[in-house]
């Protein structure tokens, strides 16, 4: 009660038994604070009657229900709705395709093509799921950065060994 700056009014309220219940309501204040964390997860939606030409980029989830031509790059999830038509290069954390995409798709986690999805382009992602009935025309690269690093590490070692052999010969 001291937090609200009113120490004198609670004395008359003590006589009423219903008033202490009201003082418990401020204790529920952490609930709105808890709601802020889910509110931070934002999703942008491009509606079915929207057409965008150009470059889209952002740090939140994106749902495309309309038409996009150009380039899409989001750091989180991208969902292409069943009525959507995308003619773009796509980069996202994970991509779910229920509509039509023409262009290459790169995901850091996963690309999923649903039964209604159509993809004409190459996929690069560590995980890929293509549902029965989905249409896909292109190539798949499931290689990641991790396997490439040891190859680079081994190449200098191989050169060092050749150099040391050459030194013994000379």
C-alpha atoms as a PDB file:
ATOM      1  CA  UNK A   1       0.000   0.000   0.000  1.00  0.00           C
ATOM      2  CA  UNK A   2       2.965   2.240   0.572  1.00  0.00           C
ATOM      3  CA  UNK A   3       3.826   1.707  -3.083  1.00  0.00           C
ATOM      4  CA  UNK A   4       0.720   3.561  -4.156  1.00  0.00           C
ATOM      5  CA  UNK A   5       1.554   6.522  -1.897  1.00  0.00           C
ATOM      6  CA  UNK A   6      -1.610   6.223   0.218  1.00  0.00           C
ATOM      7  CA  UNK A   7      -0.929   5.016   3.738  1.00  0.00           C
ATOM      8  CA  UNK A   8      -3.878   6.819   5.376  1.00  0.00           C
ATOM      9  CA  UNK A   9      -6.827   5.520   3.248  1.00  0.00           C
ATOM     10  CA  UNK A  10      -6.204   1.815   4.018  1.00  0.00           C
ATOM     11  CA  UNK A  11      -7.216   2.341   7.681  1.00  0.00           C
ATOM     12  CA  UNK A  12     -10.915   2.849   6.841  1.00  0.00           C
ATOM     13  CA  UNK A  13     -10.729   0.047   4.249  1.00  0.00           C
ATOM     14  CA  UNK A  14      -9.511  -2.433   6.857  1.00  0.00           C
ATOM     15  CA  UNK A  15     -13.018  -2.403   8.295  1.00  0.00           C
ATOM     16  CA  UNK A  16     -14.385  -3.809   5.016  1.00  0.00           C
ATOM     17  CA  UNK A  17     -13.466  -7.451   4.339  1.00  0.00           C
ATOM     18  CA  UNK A  18     -13.805  -7.080   0.532  1.00  0.00           C
ATOM     19  CA  UNK A  19     -11.082  -4.413   0.310  1.00  0.00           C
ATOM     20  CA  UNK A  20      -8.130  -6.722   1.133  1.00  0.00           C
ATOM     21  CA  UNK A  21      -9.093  -8.780  -1.923  1.00  0.00           C
ATOM     22  CA  UNK A  22      -8.746  -5.670  -4.048  1.00  0.00           C
ATOM     23  CA  UNK A  23      -5.256  -5.101  -2.688  1.00  0.00           C
ATOM     24  CA  UNK A  24      -4.375  -8.552  -4.047  1.00  0.00           C
ATOM     25  CA  UNK A  25      -5.118  -7.420  -7.603  1.00  0.00           C
ATOM     26  CA  UNK A  26      -1.868  -5.444  -7.882  1.00  0.00           C
ATOM     27  CA  UNK A  27      -0.125  -8.724  -7.048  1.00  0.00           C
ATOM     28  CA  UNK A  28      -1.520  -9.964 -10.367  1.00  0.00           C
ATOM     29  CA  UNK A  29       0.490  -7.245 -12.129  1.00  0.00           C
ATOM     30  CA  UNK A  30       3.166  -9.777 -13.186  1.00  0.00           C
ATOM     31  CA  UNK A  31       0.560 -11.339 -15.498  1.00  0.00           C
ATOM     32  CA  UNK A  32       0.746  -8.378 -17.907  1.00  0.00           C
ATOM     33  CA  UNK A  33       4.523  -8.513 -17.583  1.00  0.00           C
ATOM     34  CA  UNK A  34       4.284 -12.186 -18.543  1.00  0.00           C
ATOM     35  CA  UNK A  35       2.187 -11.167 -21.519  1.00  0.00           C
ATOM     36  CA  UNK A  36       4.971  -8.914 -22.761  1.00  0.00           C
ATOM     37  CA  UNK A  37       7.267 -11.861 -23.525  1.00  0.00           C
ATOM     38  CA  UNK A  38       4.792 -13.460 -25.976  1.00  0.00           C
ATOM     39  CA  UNK A  39       4.023  -9.996 -27.369  1.00  0.00           C
ATOM     40  CA  UNK A  40       7.689  -9.714 -28.374  1.00  0.00           C
ATOM     41  CA  UNK A  41       7.118 -12.574 -30.809  1.00  0.00           C
ATOM     42  CA  UNK A  42       5.662 -10.614 -33.689  1.00  0.00           C
ATOM     43  CA  UNK A  43       4.306 -11.852 -36.981  1.00  0.00           C
ATOM     44  CA  UNK A  44       3.902  -9.679 -40.033  1.00  0.00           C
ATOM     45  CA  UNK A  45       1.186 -10.660 -42.496  1.00  0.00           C
ATOM     46  CA  UNK A  46       1.000  -9.772 -46.159  1.00  0.00           C
ATOM     47  CA  UNK A  47      -2.691 -10.135 -46.896  1.00  0.00           C
ATOM     48  CA  UNK A  48      -4.239 -11.948 -49.859  1.00  0.00           C
ATOM     49  CA  UNK A  49      -5.011  -8.700 -51.702  1.00  0.00           C
ATOM     50  CA  UNK A  50      -1.504  -7.266 -51.303  1.00  0.00           C
ATOM     51  CA  UNK A  51       1.146  -7.329 -54.045  1.00  0.00           C
ATOM     52  CA  UNK A  52       4.738  -6.392 -53.249  1.00  0.00           C
ATOM     53  CA  UNK A  53       7.589  -5.904 -55.702  1.00  0.00           C
ATOM     54  CA  UNK A  54      11.045  -5.430 -54.246  1.00  0.00           C
ATOM     55  CA  UNK A  55      12.947  -6.585 -51.217  1.00  0.00           C
ATOM     56  CA  UNK A  56      11.425  -7.649 -47.906  1.00  0.00           C
ATOM     57  CA  UNK A  57      13.600  -8.091 -44.833  1.00  0.00           C
ATOM     58  CA  UNK A  58      12.952  -8.264 -41.126  1.00  0.00           C
ATOM     59  CA  UNK A  59      13.607  -9.797 -37.732  1.00  0.00           C
ATOM     60  CA  UNK A  60      10.195 -11.326 -37.108  1.00  0.00           C
ATOM     61  CA  UNK A  61       8.008 -14.098 -38.460  1.00  0.00           C
ATOM     62  CA  UNK A  62       6.378 -13.382 -41.813  1.00  0.00           C
ATOM     63  CA  UNK A  63       3.224 -14.844 -43.331  1.00  0.00           C
ATOM     64  CA  UNK A  64       2.639 -14.234 -47.032  1.00  0.00           C
ATOM     65  CA  UNK A  65      -0.929 -14.657 -48.264  1.00  0.00           C
ATOM     66  CA  UNK A  66      -0.609 -12.374 -51.301  1.00  0.00           C
ATOM     67  CA  UNK A  67       1.968 -11.898 -54.084  1.00  0.00           C
ATOM     68  CA  UNK A  68       5.638 -11.065 -53.625  1.00  0.00           C
ATOM     69  CA  UNK A  69       8.170 -10.552 -56.388  1.00  0.00           C
ATOM     70  CA  UNK A  70      11.824  -9.871 -55.626  1.00  0.00           C
ATOM     71  CA  UNK A  71      13.639 -11.011 -52.503  1.00  0.00           C
ATOM     72  CA  UNK A  72      12.512 -12.103 -49.024  1.00  0.00           C
ATOM     73  CA  UNK A  73      14.959 -12.292 -46.133  1.00  0.00           C
ATOM     74  CA  UNK A  74      13.782 -12.797 -42.544  1.00  0.00           C
ATOM     75  CA  UNK A  75      15.741 -13.961 -39.527  1.00  0.00           C
ATOM     76  CA  UNK A  76      12.836 -16.007 -38.183  1.00  0.00           C
ATOM     77  CA  UNK A  77      10.060 -18.047 -39.779  1.00  0.00           C
ATOM     78  CA  UNK A  78       8.428 -17.600 -43.155  1.00  0.00           C
ATOM     79  CA  UNK A  79       5.094 -19.142 -44.110  1.00  0.00           C
ATOM     80  CA  UNK A  80       3.784 -19.025 -47.648  1.00  0.00           C
ATOM     81  CA  UNK A  81      -0.001 -19.367 -47.464  1.00  0.00           C
ATOM     82  CA  UNK A  82      -2.048 -21.647 -49.743  1.00  0.00           C
ATOM     83  CA  UNK A  83      -3.214 -18.806 -52.007  1.00  0.00           C
ATOM     84  CA  UNK A  84       0.144 -17.002 -52.054  1.00  0.00           C
ATOM     85  CA  UNK A  85       2.307 -16.614 -55.147  1.00  0.00           C
ATOM     86  CA  UNK A  86       5.964 -15.816 -54.521  1.00  0.00           C
ATOM     87  CA  UNK A  87       8.475 -15.198 -57.284  1.00  0.00           C
ATOM     88  CA  UNK A  88      11.515 -14.434 -55.162  1.00  0.00           C
ATOM     89  CA  UNK A  89      14.771 -15.576 -53.658  1.00  0.00           C
ATOM     90  CA  UNK A  90      13.894 -16.635 -50.124  1.00  0.00           C
ATOM     91  CA  UNK A  91      16.089 -16.727 -47.004  1.00  0.00           C
ATOM     92  CA  UNK A  92      14.740 -17.459 -43.524  1.00  0.00           C
ATOM     93  CA  UNK A  93      15.317 -19.478 -40.380  1.00  0.00           C
ATOM     94  CA  UNK A  94      12.586 -21.923 -41.367  1.00  0.00           C
ATOM     95  CA  UNK A  95      10.231 -21.903 -44.341  1.00  0.00           C
ATOM     96  CA  UNK A  96       6.811 -23.518 -44.700  1.00  0.00           C
ATOM     97  CA  UNK A  97       5.357 -23.526 -48.205  1.00  0.00           C
ATOM     98  CA  UNK A  98       1.631 -24.081 -48.728  1.00  0.00           C
ATOM     99  CA  UNK A  99       1.342 -21.897 -51.841  1.00  0.00           C
ATOM    100  CA  UNK A 100       3.487 -21.413 -54.955  1.00  0.00           C
ATOM    101  CA  UNK A 101       7.132 -20.329 -54.829  1.00  0.00           C
ATOM    102  CA  UNK A 102       9.343 -19.754 -57.855  1.00  0.00           C
ATOM    103  CA  UNK A 103      12.908 -19.119 -56.747  1.00  0.00           C
ATOM    104  CA  UNK A 104      15.636 -20.552 -54.576  1.00  0.00           C
ATOM    105  CA  UNK A 105      14.898 -21.170 -50.894  1.00  0.00           C
ATOM    106  CA  UNK A 106      17.606 -21.067 -48.213  1.00  0.00           C
ATOM    107  CA  UNK A 107      16.802 -21.906 -44.586  1.00  0.00           C
ATOM    108  CA  UNK A 108      19.130 -22.183 -41.619  1.00  0.00           C
ATOM    109  CA  UNK A 109      16.876 -24.763 -39.940  1.00  0.00           C
ATOM    110  CA  UNK A 110      14.228 -26.382 -42.170  1.00  0.00           C
ATOM    111  CA  UNK A 111      12.215 -26.132 -45.381  1.00  0.00           C
ATOM    112  CA  UNK A 112       8.802 -27.789 -45.378  1.00  0.00           C
ATOM    113  CA  UNK A 113       6.581 -28.130 -48.436  1.00  0.00           C
ATOM    114  CA  UNK A 114       2.985 -28.934 -47.496  1.00  0.00           C
ATOM    115  CA  UNK A 115       0.641 -31.019 -49.718  1.00  0.00           C
ATOM    116  CA  UNK A 116      -0.731 -27.862 -51.368  1.00  0.00           C
ATOM    117  CA  UNK A 117       2.757 -26.393 -51.819  1.00  0.00           C
ATOM    118  CA  UNK A 118       4.580 -25.914 -55.128  1.00  0.00           C
ATOM    119  CA  UNK A 119       8.277 -25.025 -55.286  1.00  0.00           C
ATOM    120  CA  UNK A 120      10.203 -24.412 -58.484  1.00  0.00           C
ATOM    121  CA  UNK A 121      13.741 -23.697 -57.362  1.00  0.00           C
ATOM    122  CA  UNK A 122      16.657 -25.039 -55.405  1.00  0.00           C
ATOM    123  CA  UNK A 123      16.543 -25.754 -51.685  1.00  0.00           C
ATOM    124  CA  UNK A 124      19.444 -25.316 -49.286  1.00  0.00           C
ATOM    125  CA  UNK A 125      18.690 -26.347 -45.702  1.00  0.00           C
ATOM    126  CA  UNK A 126      19.890 -28.923 -43.160  1.00  0.00           C
ATOM    127  CA  UNK A 127      16.357 -30.381 -42.845  1.00  0.00           C
ATOM    128  CA  UNK A 128      13.771 -30.807 -45.581  1.00  0.00           C
ATOM    129  CA  UNK A 129      10.233 -32.181 -45.458  1.00  0.00           C
ATOM    130  CA  UNK A 130       8.189 -32.671 -48.614  1.00  0.00           C
ATOM    131  CA  UNK A 131       4.655 -33.867 -47.991  1.00  0.00           C
ATOM    132  CA  UNK A 132       2.866 -36.337 -50.213  1.00  0.00           C
ATOM    133  CA  UNK A 133       1.093 -34.386 -52.948  1.00  0.00           C
ATOM    134  CA  UNK A 134       3.525 -31.457 -52.832  1.00  0.00           C
ATOM    135  CA  UNK A 135       5.227 -30.397 -56.066  1.00  0.00           C
ATOM    136  CA  UNK A 136       8.943 -29.712 -56.202  1.00  0.00           C
ATOM    137  CA  UNK A 137      11.226 -29.081 -59.158  1.00  0.00           C
ATOM    138  CA  UNK A 138      14.838 -28.247 -58.409  1.00  0.00           C
ATOM    139  CA  UNK A 139      17.844 -29.478 -56.497  1.00  0.00           C
ATOM    140  CA  UNK A 140      18.472 -30.042 -52.813  1.00  0.00           C
ATOM    141  CA  UNK A 141      21.605 -29.135 -50.841  1.00  0.00           C
ATOM    142  CA  UNK A 142      21.501 -30.342 -47.256  1.00  0.00           C
ATOM    143  CA  UNK A 143      25.156 -29.578 -46.616  1.00  0.00           C
ATOM    144  CA  UNK A 144      25.907 -27.172 -43.843  1.00  0.00           C
ATOM    145  CA  UNK A 145      28.842 -25.047 -42.765  1.00  0.00           C
ATOM    146  CA  UNK A 146      30.000 -27.646 -40.227  1.00  0.00           C
ATOM    147  CA  UNK A 147      31.240 -30.261 -42.751  1.00  0.00           C
ATOM    148  CA  UNK A 148      33.017 -27.552 -44.781  1.00  0.00           C
ATOM    149  CA  UNK A 149      35.157 -26.440 -41.816  1.00  0.00           C
ATOM    150  CA  UNK A 150      37.077 -29.723 -41.341  1.00  0.00           C
ATOM    151  CA  UNK A 151      37.879 -29.799 -45.061  1.00  0.00           C
ATOM    152  CA  UNK A 152      39.465 -26.369 -44.777  1.00  0.00           C
ATOM    153  CA  UNK A 153      41.326 -27.479 -41.652  1.00  0.00           C
ATOM    154  CA  UNK A 154      42.700 -30.607 -43.362  1.00  0.00           C
ATOM    155  CA  UNK A 155      43.854 -28.815 -46.504  1.00  0.00           C
ATOM    156  CA  UNK A 156      46.627 -26.779 -44.803  1.00  0.00           C
ATOM    157  CA  UNK A 157      47.790 -29.910 -42.937  1.00  0.00           C
ATOM    158  CA  UNK A 158      48.153 -31.794 -46.207  1.00  0.00           C
ATOM    159  CA  UNK A 159      50.231 -28.959 -47.645  1.00  0.00           C
ATOM    160  CA  UNK A 160      52.410 -28.848 -44.535  1.00  0.00           C
ATOM    161  CA  UNK A 161      53.145 -32.583 -44.895  1.00  0.00           C
ATOM    162  CA  UNK A 162      54.110 -32.161 -48.550  1.00  0.00           C
ATOM    163  CA  UNK A 163      56.393 -29.258 -47.653  1.00  0.00           C
ATOM    164  CA  UNK A 164      58.111 -31.287 -44.943  1.00  0.00           C
ATOM    165  CA  UNK A 165      58.646 -34.210 -47.351  1.00  0.00           C
ATOM    166  CA  UNK A 166      60.103 -31.829 -49.922  1.00  0.00           C
ATOM    167  CA  UNK A 167      62.493 -30.462 -47.311  1.00  0.00           C
ATOM    168  CA  UNK A 168      63.732 -33.996 -46.466  1.00  0.00           C
ATOM    169  CA  UNK A 169      64.353 -34.717 -50.145  1.00  0.00           C
ATOM    170  CA  UNK A 170      66.347 -31.515 -50.693  1.00  0.00           C
END
